[in-house]
PDB file of all heavy atoms in Angstrom:
ATOM      1  N   SER A   1       3.024  -4.258  -6.948  1.00  0.00           N
ATOM      2  CA  SER A   1       1.936  -3.890  -6.034  1.00  0.00           C
ATOM      3  C   SER A   1       2.454  -3.114  -4.835  1.00  0.00           C
ATOM      4  O   SER A   1       1.885  -2.089  -4.457  1.00  0.00           O
ATOM      5  CB  SER A   1       1.193  -5.137  -5.534  1.00  0.00           C
ATOM      6  OG  SER A   1       0.549  -5.774  -6.579  1.00  0.00           O
ATOM      7  N   VAL A   2       3.533  -3.599  -4.246  1.00  0.00           N
ATOM      8  CA  VAL A   2       4.119  -2.920  -3.091  1.00  0.00           C
ATOM      9  C   VAL A   2       4.605  -1.523  -3.482  1.00  0.00           C
ATOM     10  O   VAL A   2       4.370  -0.545  -2.759  1.00  0.00           O
ATOM     11  CB  VAL A   2       5.250  -3.765  -2.468  1.00  0.00           C
ATOM     12  CG1 VAL A   2       6.025  -2.978  -1.439  1.00  0.00           C
ATOM     13  CG2 VAL A   2       4.675  -5.029  -1.841  1.00  0.00           C
ATOM     14  N   SER A   3       5.252  -1.416  -4.635  1.00  0.00           N
ATOM     15  CA  SER A   3       5.719  -0.107  -5.099  1.00  0.00           C
ATOM     16  C   SER A   3       4.545   0.849  -5.289  1.00  0.00           C
ATOM     17  O   SER A   3       4.608   2.020  -4.893  1.00  0.00           O
ATOM     18  CB  SER A   3       6.471  -0.239  -6.428  1.00  0.00           C
ATOM     19  OG  SER A   3       7.583  -1.059  -6.294  1.00  0.00           O
ATOM     20  N   SER A   4       3.477   0.356  -5.886  1.00  0.00           N
ATOM     21  CA  SER A   4       2.296   1.183  -6.109  1.00  0.00           C
ATOM     22  C   SER A   4       1.646   1.588  -4.788  1.00  0.00           C
ATOM     23  O   SER A   4       1.197   2.726  -4.630  1.00  0.00           O
ATOM     24  CB  SER A   4       1.282   0.450  -6.988  1.00  0.00           C
ATOM     25  OG  SER A   4       1.819   0.199  -8.265  1.00  0.00           O
ATOM     26  N   LEU A   5       1.611   0.673  -3.831  1.00  0.00           N
ATOM     27  CA  LEU A   5       1.052   1.001  -2.513  1.00  0.00           C
ATOM     28  C   LEU A   5       1.915   2.041  -1.799  1.00  0.00           C
ATOM     29  O   LEU A   5       1.392   2.915  -1.102  1.00  0.00           O
ATOM     30  CB  LEU A   5       0.901  -0.250  -1.655  1.00  0.00           C
ATOM     31  CG  LEU A   5      -0.269  -1.156  -2.010  1.00  0.00           C
ATOM     32  CD1 LEU A   5      -0.183  -2.470  -1.243  1.00  0.00           C
ATOM     33  CD2 LEU A   5      -1.596  -0.467  -1.727  1.00  0.00           C
ATOM     34  N   ILE A   6       3.218   1.962  -1.976  1.00  0.00           N
ATOM     35  CA  ILE A   6       4.113   2.954  -1.366  1.00  0.00           C
ATOM     36  C   ILE A   6       3.866   4.326  -1.977  1.00  0.00           C
ATOM     37  O   ILE A   6       3.779   5.335  -1.265  1.00  0.00           O
ATOM     38  CB  ILE A   6       5.592   2.524  -1.490  1.00  0.00           C
ATOM     39  CG1 ILE A   6       5.867   1.336  -0.570  1.00  0.00           C
ATOM     40  CG2 ILE A   6       6.534   3.680  -1.187  1.00  0.00           C
ATOM     41  CD1 ILE A   6       7.212   0.667  -0.783  1.00  0.00           C
ATOM     42  N   VAL A   7       3.728   4.379  -3.301  1.00  0.00           N
ATOM     43  CA  VAL A   7       3.430   5.655  -3.962  1.00  0.00           C
ATOM     44  C   VAL A   7       2.097   6.194  -3.466  1.00  0.00           C
ATOM     45  O   VAL A   7       1.973   7.383  -3.153  1.00  0.00           O
ATOM     46  CB  VAL A   7       3.430   5.492  -5.500  1.00  0.00           C
ATOM     47  CG1 VAL A   7       2.863   6.720  -6.193  1.00  0.00           C
ATOM     48  CG2 VAL A   7       4.830   5.203  -5.996  1.00  0.00           C
ATOM     49  N   ALA A   8       1.096   5.321  -3.366  1.00  0.00           N
ATOM     50  CA  ALA A   8      -0.218   5.745  -2.871  1.00  0.00           C
ATOM     51  C   ALA A   8      -0.113   6.257  -1.434  1.00  0.00           C
ATOM     52  O   ALA A   8      -0.708   7.289  -1.090  1.00  0.00           O
ATOM     53  CB  ALA A   8      -1.219   4.593  -2.958  1.00  0.00           C
ATOM     54  N   ALA A   9       0.645   5.552  -0.597  1.00  0.00           N
ATOM     55  CA  ALA A   9       0.794   5.964   0.799  1.00  0.00           C
ATOM     56  C   ALA A   9       1.470   7.338   0.887  1.00  0.00           C
ATOM     57  O   ALA A   9       1.069   8.180   1.702  1.00  0.00           O
ATOM     58  CB  ALA A   9       1.604   4.933   1.571  1.00  0.00           C
ATOM     59  N   LEU A  10       2.480   7.553   0.061  1.00  0.00           N
ATOM     60  CA  LEU A  10       3.152   8.855   0.068  1.00  0.00           C
ATOM     61  C   LEU A  10       2.207   9.973  -0.379  1.00  0.00           C
ATOM     62  O   LEU A  10       2.193  11.049   0.220  1.00  0.00           O
ATOM     63  CB  LEU A  10       4.391   8.831  -0.827  1.00  0.00           C
ATOM     64  CG  LEU A  10       5.568   8.001  -0.322  1.00  0.00           C
ATOM     65  CD1 LEU A  10       6.658   7.910  -1.388  1.00  0.00           C
ATOM     66  CD2 LEU A  10       6.117   8.578   0.967  1.00  0.00           C
ATOM     67  N   LEU A  11       1.403   9.701  -1.404  1.00  0.00           N
ATOM     68  CA  LEU A  11       0.438  10.711  -1.857  1.00  0.00           C
ATOM     69  C   LEU A  11      -0.627  10.985  -0.798  1.00  0.00           C
ATOM     70  O   LEU A  11      -1.026  12.135  -0.594  1.00  0.00           O
ATOM     71  CB  LEU A  11      -0.216  10.268  -3.169  1.00  0.00           C
ATOM     72  CG  LEU A  11       0.666  10.332  -4.405  1.00  0.00           C
ATOM     73  CD1 LEU A  11      -0.052   9.731  -5.611  1.00  0.00           C
ATOM     74  CD2 LEU A  11       1.104  11.754  -4.697  1.00  0.00           C
ATOM     75  N   VAL A  12      -1.076   9.940  -0.120  1.00  0.00           N
ATOM     76  CA  VAL A  12      -2.058  10.122   0.955  1.00  0.00           C
ATOM     77  C   VAL A  12      -1.452  10.939   2.085  1.00  0.00           C
ATOM     78  O   VAL A  12      -2.068  11.889   2.586  1.00  0.00           O
ATOM     79  CB  VAL A  12      -2.565   8.754   1.474  1.00  0.00           C
ATOM     80  CG1 VAL A  12      -3.337   8.896   2.775  1.00  0.00           C
ATOM     81  CG2 VAL A  12      -3.442   8.083   0.419  1.00  0.00           C
ATOM     82  N   TYR A  13      -0.237  10.598   2.476  1.00  0.00           N
ATOM     83  CA  TYR A  13       0.431  11.323   3.554  1.00  0.00           C
ATOM     84  C   TYR A  13       0.611  12.798   3.192  1.00  0.00           C
ATOM     85  O   TYR A  13       0.312  13.680   3.995  1.00  0.00           O
ATOM     86  CB  TYR A  13       1.785  10.669   3.860  1.00  0.00           C
ATOM     87  CG  TYR A  13       2.533  11.332   4.983  1.00  0.00           C
ATOM     88  CD1 TYR A  13       2.073  11.225   6.299  1.00  0.00           C
ATOM     89  CD2 TYR A  13       3.687  12.060   4.745  1.00  0.00           C
ATOM     90  CE1 TYR A  13       2.753  11.839   7.337  1.00  0.00           C
ATOM     91  CE2 TYR A  13       4.376  12.674   5.775  1.00  0.00           C
ATOM     92  CZ  TYR A  13       3.900  12.560   7.070  1.00  0.00           C
ATOM     93  OH  TYR A  13       4.577  13.173   8.090  1.00  0.00           O
ATOM     94  N   LEU A  14       1.070  13.051   1.973  1.00  0.00           N
ATOM     95  CA  LEU A  14       1.235  14.436   1.524  1.00  0.00           C
ATOM     96  C   LEU A  14      -0.105  15.166   1.481  1.00  0.00           C
ATOM     97  O   LEU A  14      -0.196  16.336   1.850  1.00  0.00           O
ATOM     98  CB  LEU A  14       1.913  14.481   0.155  1.00  0.00           C
ATOM     99  CG  LEU A  14       3.387  14.106   0.140  1.00  0.00           C
ATOM    100  CD1 LEU A  14       3.901  14.025  -1.297  1.00  0.00           C
ATOM    101  CD2 LEU A  14       4.211  15.086   0.943  1.00  0.00           C
ATOM    102  N   SER A  15      -1.139  14.471   1.058  1.00  0.00           N
ATOM    103  CA  SER A  15      -2.483  15.069   1.039  1.00  0.00           C
ATOM    104  C   SER A  15      -2.932  15.431   2.449  1.00  0.00           C
ATOM    105  O   SER A  15      -3.509  16.500   2.670  1.00  0.00           O
ATOM    106  CB  SER A  15      -3.491  14.111   0.410  1.00  0.00           C
ATOM    107  OG  SER A  15      -3.164  13.841  -0.919  1.00  0.00           O
ATOM    108  N   PHE A  16      -2.695  14.529   3.388  1.00  0.00           N
ATOM    109  CA  PHE A  16      -3.070  14.809   4.775  1.00  0.00           C
ATOM    110  C   PHE A  16      -2.318  16.027   5.303  1.00  0.00           C
ATOM    111  O   PHE A  16      -2.899  16.863   5.996  1.00  0.00           O
ATOM    112  CB  PHE A  16      -2.794  13.604   5.669  1.00  0.00           C
ATOM    113  CG  PHE A  16      -3.728  12.436   5.458  1.00  0.00           C
ATOM    114  CD1 PHE A  16      -3.435  11.205   6.009  1.00  0.00           C
ATOM    115  CD2 PHE A  16      -4.892  12.552   4.724  1.00  0.00           C
ATOM    116  CE1 PHE A  16      -4.273  10.119   5.847  1.00  0.00           C
ATOM    117  CE2 PHE A  16      -5.743  11.468   4.538  1.00  0.00           C
ATOM    118  CZ  PHE A  16      -5.426  10.249   5.112  1.00  0.00           C
ATOM    119  N   LEU A  17      -1.034  16.122   4.980  1.00  0.00           N
ATOM    120  CA  LEU A  17      -0.251  17.270   5.432  1.00  0.00           C
ATOM    121  C   LEU A  17      -0.758  18.571   4.819  1.00  0.00           C
ATOM    122  O   LEU A  17      -0.930  19.577   5.520  1.00  0.00           O
ATOM    123  CB  LEU A  17       1.228  17.080   5.086  1.00  0.00           C
ATOM    124  CG  LEU A  17       1.988  16.004   5.849  1.00  0.00           C
ATOM    125  CD1 LEU A  17       3.414  15.900   5.316  1.00  0.00           C
ATOM    126  CD2 LEU A  17       1.983  16.276   7.341  1.00  0.00           C
ATOM    127  N   VAL A  18      -0.998  18.555   3.520  1.00  0.00           N
ATOM    128  CA  VAL A  18      -1.468  19.762   2.833  1.00  0.00           C
ATOM    129  C   VAL A  18      -2.857  20.159   3.333  1.00  0.00           C
ATOM    130  O   VAL A  18      -3.110  21.336   3.626  1.00  0.00           O
ATOM    131  CB  VAL A  18      -1.475  19.551   1.297  1.00  0.00           C
ATOM    132  CG1 VAL A  18      -2.214  20.667   0.584  1.00  0.00           C
ATOM    133  CG2 VAL A  18      -0.050  19.442   0.783  1.00  0.00           C
ATOM    134  N   LEU A  19      -3.746  19.181   3.456  1.00  0.00           N
ATOM    135  CA  LEU A  19      -5.100  19.486   3.931  1.00  0.00           C
ATOM    136  C   LEU A  19      -5.108  19.914   5.391  1.00  0.00           C
ATOM    137  O   LEU A  19      -5.956  20.709   5.801  1.00  0.00           O
ATOM    138  CB  LEU A  19      -6.021  18.278   3.727  1.00  0.00           C
ATOM    139  CG  LEU A  19      -6.351  17.962   2.271  1.00  0.00           C
ATOM    140  CD1 LEU A  19      -7.101  16.645   2.172  1.00  0.00           C
ATOM    141  CD2 LEU A  19      -7.161  19.088   1.654  1.00  0.00           C
ATOM    142  N   GLY A  20      -4.177  19.393   6.169  1.00  0.00           N
ATOM    143  CA  GLY A  20      -4.068  19.823   7.562  1.00  0.00           C
ATOM    144  C   GLY A  20      -3.739  21.294   7.667  1.00  0.00           C
ATOM    145  O   GLY A  20      -4.299  22.020   8.490  1.00  0.00           O
ATOM    146  N   GLU A  21      -2.839  21.722   6.815  1.00  0.00           N
ATOM    147  CA  GLU A  21      -2.464  23.143   6.806  1.00  0.00           C
ATOM    148  C   GLU A  21      -3.539  24.011   6.150  1.00  0.00           C
ATOM    149  O   GLU A  21      -3.825  25.107   6.617  1.00  0.00           O
ATOM    150  CB  GLU A  21      -1.133  23.330   6.058  1.00  0.00           C
ATOM    151  CG  GLU A  21       0.073  22.827   6.805  1.00  0.00           C
ATOM    152  CD  GLU A  21       0.336  23.625   8.062  1.00  0.00           C
ATOM    153  OE1 GLU A  21       0.223  24.866   8.043  1.00  0.00           O
ATOM    154  OE2 GLU A  21       0.664  22.998   9.091  1.00  0.00           O
ATOM    155  N   ALA A  22      -4.130  23.525   5.074  1.00  0.00           N
ATOM    156  CA  ALA A  22      -5.061  24.344   4.282  1.00  0.00           C
ATOM    157  C   ALA A  22      -6.436  24.487   4.932  1.00  0.00           C
ATOM    158  O   ALA A  22      -6.998  25.581   4.974  1.00  0.00           O
ATOM    159  CB  ALA A  22      -5.202  23.762   2.880  1.00  0.00           C
ATOM    160  N   ILE A  23      -6.988  23.360   5.421  1.00  0.00           N
ATOM    161  CA  ILE A  23      -8.364  23.413   5.951  1.00  0.00           C
ATOM    162  C   ILE A  23      -8.476  22.910   7.380  1.00  0.00           C
ATOM    163  O   ILE A  23      -9.582  22.743   7.893  1.00  0.00           O
ATOM    164  CB  ILE A  23      -9.352  22.636   5.043  1.00  0.00           C
ATOM    165  CG1 ILE A  23      -8.994  21.145   4.995  1.00  0.00           C
ATOM    166  CG2 ILE A  23      -9.410  23.233   3.654  1.00  0.00           C
ATOM    167  CD1 ILE A  23     -10.032  20.277   4.294  1.00  0.00           C
ATOM    168  N   GLY A  24      -7.352  22.632   8.007  1.00  0.00           N
ATOM    169  CA  GLY A  24      -7.379  22.160   9.382  1.00  0.00           C
ATOM    170  C   GLY A  24      -7.785  20.701   9.512  1.00  0.00           C
ATOM    171  O   GLY A  24      -8.277  20.272  10.548  1.00  0.00           O
ATOM    172  N   PHE A  25      -7.569  19.911   8.478  1.00  0.00           N
ATOM    173  CA  PHE A  25      -7.904  18.487   8.488  1.00  0.00           C
ATOM    174  C   PHE A  25      -7.089  17.770   9.552  1.00  0.00           C
ATOM    175  O   PHE A  25      -5.879  17.944   9.657  1.00  0.00           O
ATOM    176  CB  PHE A  25      -7.613  17.879   7.110  1.00  0.00           C
ATOM    177  CG  PHE A  25      -7.796  16.391   7.040  1.00  0.00           C
ATOM    178  CD1 PHE A  25      -9.062  15.838   6.971  1.00  0.00           C
ATOM    179  CD2 PHE A  25      -6.702  15.550   7.047  1.00  0.00           C
ATOM    180  CE1 PHE A  25      -9.231  14.464   6.891  1.00  0.00           C
ATOM    181  CE2 PHE A  25      -6.855  14.172   6.970  1.00  0.00           C
ATOM    182  CZ  PHE A  25      -8.124  13.627   6.894  1.00  0.00           C
ATOM    183  N   THR A  26      -7.769  16.984  10.370  1.00  0.00           N
ATOM    184  CA  THR A  26      -7.084  16.142  11.347  1.00  0.00           C
ATOM    185  C   THR A  26      -7.536  14.711  11.139  1.00  0.00           C
ATOM    186  O   THR A  26      -8.693  14.445  10.831  1.00  0.00           O
ATOM    187  CB  THR A  26      -7.398  16.555  12.798  1.00  0.00           C
ATOM    188  OG1 THR A  26      -8.811  16.510  13.002  1.00  0.00           O
ATOM    189  CG2 THR A  26      -6.871  17.940  13.096  1.00  0.00           C
ATOM    190  N   LEU A  27      -6.625  13.797  11.299  1.00  0.00           N
ATOM    191  CA  LEU A  27      -6.920  12.387  11.098  1.00  0.00           C
ATOM    192  C   LEU A  27      -7.447  11.798  12.400  1.00  0.00           C
ATOM    193  O   LEU A  27      -6.751  11.782  13.412  1.00  0.00           O
ATOM    194  CB  LEU A  27      -5.657  11.658  10.639  1.00  0.00           C
ATOM    195  CG  LEU A  27      -5.839  10.245  10.121  1.00  0.00           C
ATOM    196  CD1 LEU A  27      -6.782  10.223   8.918  1.00  0.00           C
ATOM    197  CD2 LEU A  27      -4.494   9.673   9.706  1.00  0.00           C
ATOM    198  N   THR A  28      -8.687  11.336  12.350  1.00  0.00           N
ATOM    199  CA  THR A  28      -9.321  10.710  13.507  1.00  0.00           C
ATOM    200  C   THR A  28      -9.298   9.197  13.337  1.00  0.00           C
ATOM    201  O   THR A  28      -8.888   8.683  12.291  1.00  0.00           O
ATOM    202  CB  THR A  28     -10.779  11.179  13.636  1.00  0.00           C
ATOM    203  OG1 THR A  28     -11.501  10.740  12.472  1.00  0.00           O
ATOM    204  CG2 THR A  28     -10.864  12.694  13.764  1.00  0.00           C
ATOM    205  N   LEU A  29      -9.788   8.496  14.347  1.00  0.00           N
ATOM    206  CA  LEU A  29      -9.869   7.042  14.263  1.00  0.00           C
ATOM    207  C   LEU A  29     -10.764   6.624  13.097  1.00  0.00           C
ATOM    208  O   LEU A  29     -10.447   5.683  12.361  1.00  0.00           O
ATOM    209  CB  LEU A  29     -10.392   6.466  15.583  1.00  0.00           C
ATOM    210  CG  LEU A  29     -10.353   4.954  15.721  1.00  0.00           C
ATOM    211  CD1 LEU A  29      -8.932   4.439  15.520  1.00  0.00           C
ATOM    212  CD2 LEU A  29     -10.867   4.551  17.093  1.00  0.00           C
ATOM    213  N   ALA A  30     -11.860   7.335  12.896  1.00  0.00           N
ATOM    214  CA  ALA A  30     -12.746   7.033  11.765  1.00  0.00           C
ATOM    215  C   ALA A  30     -12.026   7.285  10.443  1.00  0.00           C
ATOM    216  O   ALA A  30     -12.189   6.526   9.479  1.00  0.00           O
ATOM    217  CB  ALA A  30     -14.005   7.881  11.845  1.00  0.00           C
ATOM    218  N   GLY A  31     -11.222   8.320  10.381  1.00  0.00           N
ATOM    219  CA  GLY A  31     -10.449   8.609   9.180  1.00  0.00           C
ATOM    220  C   GLY A  31      -9.431   7.521   8.896  1.00  0.00           C
ATOM    221  O   GLY A  31      -9.212   7.150   7.741  1.00  0.00           O
ATOM    222  N   ILE A  32      -8.818   7.024   9.943  1.00  0.00           N
ATOM    223  CA  ILE A  32      -7.873   5.914   9.786  1.00  0.00           C
ATOM    224  C   ILE A  32      -8.595   4.695   9.229  1.00  0.00           C
ATOM    225  O   ILE A  32      -8.081   4.005   8.346  1.00  0.00           O
ATOM    226  CB  ILE A  32      -7.169   5.599  11.120  1.00  0.00           C
ATOM    227  CG1 ILE A  32      -6.265   6.761  11.515  1.00  0.00           C
ATOM    228  CG2 ILE A  32      -6.380   4.298  11.027  1.00  0.00           C
ATOM    229  CD1 ILE A  32      -5.713   6.677  12.922  1.00  0.00           C
ATOM    230  N   ALA A  33      -9.805   4.436   9.715  1.00  0.00           N
ATOM    231  CA  ALA A  33     -10.597   3.321   9.193  1.00  0.00           C
ATOM    232  C   ALA A  33     -10.893   3.521   7.709  1.00  0.00           C
ATOM    233  O   ALA A  33     -10.829   2.568   6.922  1.00  0.00           O
ATOM    234  CB  ALA A  33     -11.893   3.176   9.977  1.00  0.00           C
ATOM    235  N   GLY A  34     -11.197   4.745   7.296  1.00  0.00           N
ATOM    236  CA  GLY A  34     -11.430   5.037   5.883  1.00  0.00           C
ATOM    237  C   GLY A  34     -10.189   4.776   5.046  1.00  0.00           C
ATOM    238  O   GLY A  34     -10.275   4.246   3.936  1.00  0.00           O
ATOM    239  N   ALA A  35      -9.034   5.133   5.578  1.00  0.00           N
ATOM    240  CA  ALA A  35      -7.775   4.894   4.859  1.00  0.00           C
ATOM    241  C   ALA A  35      -7.488   3.401   4.747  1.00  0.00           C
ATOM    242  O   ALA A  35      -7.014   2.928   3.706  1.00  0.00           O
ATOM    243  CB  ALA A  35      -6.623   5.609   5.566  1.00  0.00           C
ATOM    244  N   ILE A  36      -7.794   2.657   5.785  1.00  0.00           N
ATOM    245  CA  ILE A  36      -7.571   1.205   5.755  1.00  0.00           C
ATOM    246  C   ILE A  36      -8.483   0.546   4.719  1.00  0.00           C
ATOM    247  O   ILE A  36      -8.051  -0.320   3.962  1.00  0.00           O
ATOM    248  CB  ILE A  36      -7.764   0.594   7.152  1.00  0.00           C
ATOM    249  CG1 ILE A  36      -6.613   1.031   8.060  1.00  0.00           C
ATOM    250  CG2 ILE A  36      -7.867  -0.924   7.081  1.00  0.00           C
ATOM    251  CD1 ILE A  36      -6.802   0.701   9.521  1.00  0.00           C
ATOM    252  N   VAL A  37      -9.740   0.969   4.670  1.00  0.00           N
ATOM    253  CA  VAL A  37     -10.662   0.436   3.660  1.00  0.00           C
ATOM    254  C   VAL A  37     -10.145   0.767   2.264  1.00  0.00           C
ATOM    255  O   VAL A  37     -10.185  -0.062   1.353  1.00  0.00           O
ATOM    256  CB  VAL A  37     -12.092   0.983   3.866  1.00  0.00           C
ATOM    257  CG1 VAL A  37     -12.990   0.660   2.691  1.00  0.00           C
ATOM    258  CG2 VAL A  37     -12.686   0.432   5.159  1.00  0.00           C
ATOM    259  N   ALA A  38      -9.634   1.959   2.092  1.00  0.00           N
ATOM    260  CA  ALA A  38      -9.128   2.383   0.785  1.00  0.00           C
ATOM    261  C   ALA A  38      -7.891   1.597   0.364  1.00  0.00           C
ATOM    262  O   ALA A  38      -7.661   1.405  -0.831  1.00  0.00           O
ATOM    263  CB  ALA A  38      -8.840   3.870   0.786  1.00  0.00           C
ATOM    264  N   ILE A  39      -7.105   1.115   1.321  1.00  0.00           N
ATOM    265  CA  ILE A  39      -5.965   0.256   0.982  1.00  0.00           C
ATOM    266  C   ILE A  39      -6.477  -1.002   0.281  1.00  0.00           C
ATOM    267  O   ILE A  39      -5.900  -1.448  -0.719  1.00  0.00           O
ATOM    268  CB  ILE A  39      -5.141  -0.113   2.232  1.00  0.00           C
ATOM    269  CG1 ILE A  39      -4.418   1.116   2.758  1.00  0.00           C
ATOM    270  CG2 ILE A  39      -4.154  -1.238   1.931  1.00  0.00           C
ATOM    271  CD1 ILE A  39      -3.790   0.928   4.135  1.00  0.00           C
ATOM    272  N   GLY A  40      -7.575  -1.537   0.774  1.00  0.00           N
ATOM    273  CA  GLY A  40      -8.184  -2.699   0.130  1.00  0.00           C
ATOM    274  C   GLY A  40      -8.681  -2.383  -1.264  1.00  0.00           C
ATOM    275  O   GLY A  40      -8.517  -3.173  -2.199  1.00  0.00           O
ATOM    276  N   VAL A  41      -9.274  -1.203  -1.435  1.00  0.00           N
ATOM    277  CA  VAL A  41      -9.748  -0.774  -2.751  1.00  0.00           C
ATOM    278  C   VAL A  41      -8.566  -0.642  -3.709  1.00  0.00           C
ATOM    279  O   VAL A  41      -8.627  -1.080  -4.866  1.00  0.00           O
ATOM    280  CB  VAL A  41     -10.519   0.565  -2.643  1.00  0.00           C
ATOM    281  CG1 VAL A  41     -10.826   1.134  -4.008  1.00  0.00           C
ATOM    282  CG2 VAL A  41     -11.799   0.386  -1.839  1.00  0.00           C
ATOM    283  N   THR A  42      -7.473  -0.070  -3.235  1.00  0.00           N
ATOM    284  CA  THR A  42      -6.283   0.099  -4.052  1.00  0.00           C
ATOM    285  C   THR A  42      -5.684  -1.249  -4.439  1.00  0.00           C
ATOM    286  O   THR A  42      -5.346  -1.483  -5.604  1.00  0.00           O
ATOM    287  CB  THR A  42      -5.243   0.959  -3.314  1.00  0.00           C
ATOM    288  OG1 THR A  42      -5.828   2.219  -3.001  1.00  0.00           O
ATOM    289  CG2 THR A  42      -3.992   1.172  -4.138  1.00  0.00           C
ATOM    290  N   ALA A  43      -5.560  -2.148  -3.486  1.00  0.00           N
ATOM    291  CA  ALA A  43      -5.022  -3.477  -3.784  1.00  0.00           C
ATOM    292  C   ALA A  43      -5.921  -4.209  -4.783  1.00  0.00           C
ATOM    293  O   ALA A  43      -5.423  -4.902  -5.677  1.00  0.00           O
ATOM    294  CB  ALA A  43      -4.873  -4.281  -2.498  1.00  0.00           C
ATOM    295  N   ASP A  44      -7.227  -4.056  -4.656  1.00  0.00           N
ATOM    296  CA  ASP A  44      -8.144  -4.672  -5.613  1.00  0.00           C
ATOM    297  C   ASP A  44      -7.918  -4.153  -7.024  1.00  0.00           C
ATOM    298  O   ASP A  44      -8.028  -4.908  -7.991  1.00  0.00           O
ATOM    299  CB  ASP A  44      -9.606  -4.426  -5.212  1.00  0.00           C
ATOM    300  CG  ASP A  44     -10.059  -5.331  -4.088  1.00  0.00           C
ATOM    301  OD1 ASP A  44      -9.367  -6.315  -3.794  1.00  0.00           O
ATOM    302  OD2 ASP A  44     -11.131  -5.049  -3.507  1.00  0.00           O
ATOM    303  N   SER A  45      -7.600  -2.887  -7.157  1.00  0.00           N
ATOM    304  CA  SER A  45      -7.335  -2.325  -8.483  1.00  0.00           C
ATOM    305  C   SER A  45      -6.159  -3.033  -9.138  1.00  0.00           C
ATOM    306  O   SER A  45      -6.201  -3.365 -10.325  1.00  0.00           O
ATOM    307  CB  SER A  45      -7.040  -0.831  -8.384  1.00  0.00           C
ATOM    308  OG  SER A  45      -8.142  -0.130  -7.897  1.00  0.00           O
TER     309      SER A  45
END
């Protein structure tokens, strides 16, 4: 589970970096909340 969460975190981080450059995506407090909720969804899987 921890290994899978680490892989997911790396993919999310890379996505944020790519989207930041491509479309100007910035991570806000609401975005952080969305990522935290998604951690729960991932762990449930």
